[in-house]
């Protein structure tokens, strides 16, 4: 039984904490706009605790350390996601994609919608690396790195083309992003990403079967394998006629949207700046 627990416990922990934390960030980001800065203060304090937790757990050989490192990484990830979903840190372009443009131009404009967010992600990854470098168990860094790589894969997949993207998960400040996505086909990046994640999962299972990993690496590798499996599942949701947004329906409270008048001249100025 203990043999099974060595797999079930870390897998169950990763799936549960990932699911609950994702829903919590969605719920916070889609709430009242008037309280966004109060929430920002809260998630900033949480992220600070995450960096501290990453440093503490990476220097610990205790059985709880991998779980603590995972929570620490997701605490920092929550800050980055919150600032993105609320529109606080996205990119310099905040308007819809124009029609009848080249793929190269579409990619350039799409990058401008999220560039600041991408820079923050890299900075956060670098920060976690600094506090966990040359340590025995940098679980927080590995967790954040896997989340980052899988998120890049998901973004490129959506840009390339997926027929079942759940646009209803986007809060009001990000609705313009949908105009940059392909939803009429399955793009080539989906198959490349699926092949990569499937290959990683098969390699991990084979390594477990052959006892390749040292005992002190077991929990870490099981957790990272579970995270990659979740990423693979997320990719499949993009082409299957199943709305993954239903999983977080409880967290997707309506976002109050105040009507604002945007002068035509403002839009012209924004377009001219591209």
Protein backbone atom coordinates (compact mmCIF):
# COMPACT_ATOMS: atom_id res chain seq x y z
CA UNK A 1 0.00 0.00 0.00
CA UNK A 2 2.86 2.38 0.84
CA UNK A 3 4.15 1.82 -2.69
CA UNK A 4 0.91 3.14 -4.12
CA UNK A 5 0.85 6.05 -1.68
CA UNK A 6 4.27 7.13 -2.92
CA UNK A 7 2.54 7.89 -6.23
CA UNK A 8 -1.03 8.70 -5.25
CA UNK A 9 -0.18 11.25 -2.55
CA UNK A 10 1.97 13.59 -4.70
CA UNK A 11 -0.34 13.18 -7.72
CA UNK A 12 -3.43 13.91 -5.65
CA UNK A 13 -1.73 16.89 -4.04
CA UNK A 14 -0.68 18.39 -7.39
CA UNK A 15 -4.07 17.91 -9.03
CA UNK A 16 -6.02 19.24 -6.05
CA UNK A 17 -3.84 22.24 -5.34
CA UNK A 18 -3.54 23.15 -9.03
CA UNK A 19 -7.31 22.96 -9.48
CA UNK A 20 -8.18 24.96 -6.36
CA UNK A 21 -5.50 27.61 -6.90
CA UNK A 22 -6.51 28.10 -10.55
CA UNK A 23 -10.12 28.59 -9.53
CA UNK A 24 -9.14 30.95 -6.71
CA UNK A 25 -7.18 33.20 -9.06
CA UNK A 26 -10.04 33.21 -11.58
CA UNK A 27 -12.49 34.13 -8.82
CA UNK A 28 -10.29 36.96 -7.54
CA UNK A 29 -9.64 38.34 -11.03
CA UNK A 30 -13.31 38.34 -12.04
CA UNK A 31 -14.66 40.06 -8.93
CA UNK A 32 -15.43 43.71 -8.27
CA UNK A 33 -13.03 46.01 -10.11
CA UNK A 34 -13.12 48.55 -7.27
CA UNK A 35 -11.30 46.13 -4.97
CA UNK A 36 -8.62 45.04 -7.44
CA UNK A 37 -5.82 46.97 -5.73
CA UNK A 38 -6.70 45.53 -2.33
CA UNK A 39 -6.56 42.06 -3.87
CA UNK A 40 -3.27 42.97 -5.55
CA UNK A 41 -1.79 43.77 -2.15
CA UNK A 42 -2.94 40.38 -0.88
CA UNK A 43 -1.53 38.36 -3.78
CA UNK A 44 1.71 40.38 -3.62
CA UNK A 45 2.16 39.37 0.02
CA UNK A 46 1.38 35.80 -1.01
CA UNK A 47 4.04 35.96 -3.73
CA UNK A 48 6.59 37.29 -1.24
CA UNK A 49 5.80 34.31 1.00
CA UNK A 50 6.22 32.13 -2.08
CA UNK A 51 9.78 33.34 -2.71
CA UNK A 52 10.61 32.81 0.97
CA UNK A 53 9.03 29.37 0.89
CA UNK A 54 10.99 28.47 -2.25
CA UNK A 55 14.26 29.31 -0.46
CA UNK A 56 13.32 27.41 2.71
CA UNK A 57 12.04 24.24 1.04
CA UNK A 58 14.94 24.01 -1.40
CA UNK A 59 17.35 23.68 1.53
CA UNK A 60 15.29 21.09 3.39
CA UNK A 61 15.48 17.33 3.13
CA UNK A 62 12.20 16.85 4.99
CA UNK A 63 9.41 14.78 3.44
CA UNK A 64 7.14 17.84 3.31
CA UNK A 65 9.67 19.99 1.43
CA UNK A 66 8.59 19.02 -2.13
CA UNK A 67 4.98 19.85 -1.28
CA UNK A 68 6.01 23.14 0.29
CA UNK A 69 8.11 24.00 -2.77
CA UNK A 70 5.16 23.27 -5.04
CA UNK A 71 2.90 25.56 -3.01
CA UNK A 72 5.59 28.26 -3.00
CA UNK A 73 5.86 28.19 -6.80
CA UNK A 74 2.09 28.38 -7.26
CA UNK A 75 1.97 31.34 -4.86
CA UNK A 76 4.29 33.29 -7.13
CA UNK A 77 2.44 32.00 -10.21
CA UNK A 78 -0.83 33.25 -8.72
CA UNK A 79 0.53 36.81 -8.57
CA UNK A 80 1.59 36.71 -12.22
CA UNK A 81 -1.76 35.25 -13.30
CA UNK A 82 -3.75 37.73 -11.22
CA UNK A 83 -1.98 40.75 -12.69
CA UNK A 84 -2.56 39.34 -16.18
CA UNK A 85 -6.21 38.35 -15.82
CA UNK A 86 -7.12 41.70 -14.27
CA UNK A 87 -5.38 43.56 -17.10
CA UNK A 88 -2.86 45.17 -14.76
CA UNK A 89 0.14 43.70 -16.59
CA UNK A 90 -0.51 42.53 -20.13
CA UNK A 91 1.06 44.45 -23.00
CA UNK A 92 1.03 47.83 -24.76
CA UNK A 93 -1.71 46.79 -27.21
CA UNK A 94 -5.23 46.50 -25.81
CA UNK A 95 -7.43 46.54 -28.91
CA UNK A 96 -8.73 43.84 -31.28
CA UNK A 97 -6.64 42.34 -34.03
CA UNK A 98 -7.31 43.95 -37.42
CA UNK A 99 -8.68 41.75 -40.18
CA UNK A 100 -6.90 40.69 -43.37
CA UNK A 101 -3.32 40.90 -42.12
CA UNK A 102 -0.41 38.54 -42.67
CA UNK A 103 0.43 35.78 -40.19
CA UNK A 104 3.70 37.52 -39.37
CA UNK A 105 1.87 40.75 -38.59
CA UNK A 106 -0.71 38.90 -36.52
CA UNK A 107 2.05 37.29 -34.47
CA UNK A 108 3.73 40.65 -33.92
CA UNK A 109 0.50 42.28 -32.76
CA UNK A 110 -0.38 39.28 -30.60
CA UNK A 111 3.02 39.53 -28.93
CA UNK A 112 2.37 43.19 -28.14
CA UNK A 113 -0.83 42.25 -26.32
CA UNK A 114 1.02 40.04 -23.81
CA UNK A 115 4.69 41.13 -23.94
CA UNK A 116 4.81 42.78 -20.50
CA UNK A 117 3.22 39.69 -18.97
CA UNK A 118 5.82 37.45 -20.63
CA UNK A 119 8.67 39.59 -19.30
CA UNK A 120 7.21 39.35 -15.79
CA UNK A 121 7.01 35.56 -16.10
CA UNK A 122 10.68 35.36 -17.06
CA UNK A 123 11.62 37.71 -14.22
CA UNK A 124 9.66 35.59 -11.72
CA UNK A 125 11.32 32.43 -13.02
CA UNK A 126 14.71 34.08 -12.66
CA UNK A 127 13.87 35.20 -9.12
CA UNK A 128 12.92 31.68 -8.05
CA UNK A 129 16.08 30.34 -9.66
CA UNK A 130 18.19 32.81 -7.67
CA UNK A 131 16.73 31.72 -4.33
CA UNK A 132 16.93 28.00 -5.14
CA UNK A 133 20.23 27.80 -7.10
CA UNK A 134 22.76 25.23 -5.90
CA UNK A 135 20.33 23.68 -3.43
CA UNK A 136 19.43 20.05 -2.87
CA UNK A 137 15.76 20.24 -3.76
CA UNK A 138 14.74 23.19 -5.99
CA UNK A 139 11.16 21.96 -6.37
CA UNK A 140 9.77 25.50 -6.61
CA UNK A 141 12.02 26.30 -9.56
CA UNK A 142 11.15 23.09 -11.40
CA UNK A 143 7.45 23.66 -10.76
CA UNK A 144 7.50 27.23 -12.06
CA UNK A 145 9.66 26.22 -15.05
CA UNK A 146 7.22 23.45 -16.05
CA UNK A 147 4.25 25.81 -15.65
CA UNK A 148 6.03 28.45 -17.74
CA UNK A 149 7.00 26.08 -20.55
CA UNK A 150 3.55 24.51 -20.69
CA UNK A 151 1.91 27.94 -20.71
CA UNK A 152 4.07 29.05 -23.65
CA UNK A 153 3.09 25.84 -25.43
CA UNK A 154 -0.61 26.51 -24.73
CA UNK A 155 -0.40 30.11 -25.98
CA UNK A 156 1.37 29.12 -29.20
CA UNK A 157 -1.11 26.30 -29.69
CA UNK A 158 -4.07 28.66 -29.37
CA UNK A 159 -2.41 31.15 -31.72
CA UNK A 160 -1.73 28.42 -34.27
CA UNK A 161 -5.28 27.14 -34.15
CA UNK A 162 -7.64 25.15 -31.92
CA UNK A 163 -11.36 24.64 -32.54
CA UNK A 164 -12.55 24.42 -28.93
CA UNK A 165 -10.93 27.25 -27.00
CA UNK A 166 -13.00 28.30 -23.96
CA UNK A 167 -13.15 32.05 -24.48
CA UNK A 168 -15.66 32.41 -21.65
CA UNK A 169 -12.82 31.96 -19.15
CA UNK A 170 -11.39 35.32 -20.18
CA UNK A 171 -12.23 38.18 -17.82
CA UNK A 172 -13.49 41.44 -19.34
CA UNK A 173 -10.07 43.16 -19.56
CA UNK A 174 -8.79 40.39 -21.86
CA UNK A 175 -11.67 39.86 -24.26
CA UNK A 176 -9.69 41.51 -27.08
CA UNK A 177 -7.21 38.61 -27.01
CA UNK A 178 -9.73 36.27 -28.59
CA UNK A 179 -9.46 38.17 -31.87
CA UNK A 180 -5.81 37.08 -32.18
CA UNK A 181 -6.56 33.34 -31.95
CA UNK A 182 -7.39 30.79 -34.63
CA UNK A 183 -10.56 28.86 -33.81
CA UNK A 184 -11.32 27.38 -37.22
CA UNK A 185 -8.71 24.63 -37.40
CA UNK A 186 -6.19 22.50 -35.53
CA UNK A 187 -2.82 24.16 -36.02
CA UNK A 188 0.49 22.28 -36.31
CA UNK A 189 1.73 23.46 -32.91
CA UNK A 190 -0.97 21.39 -31.20
CA UNK A 191 0.44 18.18 -32.61
CA UNK A 192 4.02 19.18 -31.77
CA UNK A 193 3.04 20.08 -28.19
CA UNK A 194 1.02 16.88 -27.78
CA UNK A 195 3.88 14.77 -29.08
CA UNK A 196 6.30 16.48 -26.68
CA UNK A 197 4.13 16.10 -23.58
CA UNK A 198 3.24 12.51 -24.44
CA UNK A 199 6.91 11.71 -24.94
CA UNK A 200 7.77 13.20 -21.54
CA UNK A 201 5.05 11.19 -19.85
CA UNK A 202 6.12 7.93 -21.49
CA UNK A 203 9.77 8.59 -20.56
CA UNK A 204 8.80 9.32 -16.94
CA UNK A 205 6.72 6.14 -16.64
CA UNK A 206 9.55 4.10 -18.13
CA UNK A 207 12.03 5.67 -15.71
CA UNK A 208 9.78 4.85 -12.75
CA UNK A 209 9.43 1.27 -13.96
CA UNK A 210 13.22 0.87 -14.16
CA UNK A 211 13.92 2.67 -10.84
CA UNK A 212 16.07 5.29 -12.56
CA UNK A 213 15.35 8.03 -10.02
CA UNK A 214 16.99 8.15 -6.62
CA UNK A 215 14.66 7.79 -3.59
CA UNK A 216 15.06 11.46 -2.65
CA UNK A 217 13.97 12.48 -6.17
CA UNK A 218 10.88 10.31 -6.30
CA UNK A 219 8.30 12.76 -4.95
CA UNK A 220 9.68 15.62 -7.04
CA UNK A 221 9.56 13.65 -10.30
CA UNK A 222 6.07 12.26 -9.61
CA UNK A 223 4.80 15.80 -8.98
CA UNK A 224 6.39 17.18 -12.15
CA UNK A 225 5.04 14.24 -14.16
CA UNK A 226 1.54 14.96 -12.84
CA UNK A 227 1.94 18.61 -13.82
CA UNK A 228 2.97 17.69 -17.36
CA UNK A 229 -0.02 15.32 -17.55
CA UNK A 230 -2.33 18.20 -16.59
CA UNK A 231 -0.76 20.32 -19.31
CA UNK A 232 -1.33 17.55 -21.86
CA UNK A 233 -4.95 17.31 -20.74
CA UNK A 234 -5.31 21.09 -21.10
CA UNK A 235 -4.09 20.84 -24.70
CA UNK A 236 -6.59 18.08 -25.53
CA UNK A 237 -9.42 20.19 -24.11
CA UNK A 238 -8.59 22.72 -26.84
CA UNK A 239 -9.73 20.39 -29.62
CA UNK A 240 -12.31 18.17 -27.92
CA UNK A 241 -15.98 19.21 -27.77
CA UNK A 242 -15.71 19.48 -23.98
CA UNK A 243 -15.57 22.88 -22.31
CA UNK A 244 -12.85 22.87 -19.68
CA UNK A 245 -14.34 26.11 -18.34
CA UNK A 246 -17.09 23.95 -16.79
CA UNK A 247 -14.50 22.72 -14.30
CA UNK A 248 -14.19 26.22 -12.87
CA UNK A 249 -17.78 27.39 -13.24
CA UNK A 250 -17.89 27.98 -9.49
CA UNK A 251 -15.03 30.49 -9.78
CA UNK A 252 -16.28 32.38 -12.84
CA UNK A 253 -18.47 34.97 -11.16
CA UNK A 254 -19.76 37.71 -13.47
CA UNK A 255 -17.42 40.67 -13.81
CA UNK A 256 -19.15 44.03 -13.51
CA UNK A 257 -18.31 46.01 -16.61
CA UNK A 258 -18.65 49.75 -16.57
CA UNK A 259 -19.38 51.30 -19.92
CA UNK A 260 -16.70 53.73 -20.97
CA UNK A 261 -16.63 56.00 -23.96
CA UNK A 262 -13.44 55.64 -25.97
CA UNK A 263 -12.83 58.45 -28.41
CA UNK A 264 -12.12 57.48 -32.00
CA UNK A 265 -9.00 59.59 -31.85
CA UNK A 266 -7.64 57.39 -29.05
CA UNK A 267 -8.08 54.27 -31.12
CA UNK A 268 -6.45 55.91 -34.10
CA UNK A 269 -3.48 56.90 -31.96
CA UNK A 270 -3.14 53.35 -30.59
CA UNK A 271 -3.27 51.85 -34.08
CA UNK A 272 -0.78 54.37 -35.43
CA UNK A 273 1.65 53.41 -32.69
CA UNK A 274 1.86 49.80 -33.95
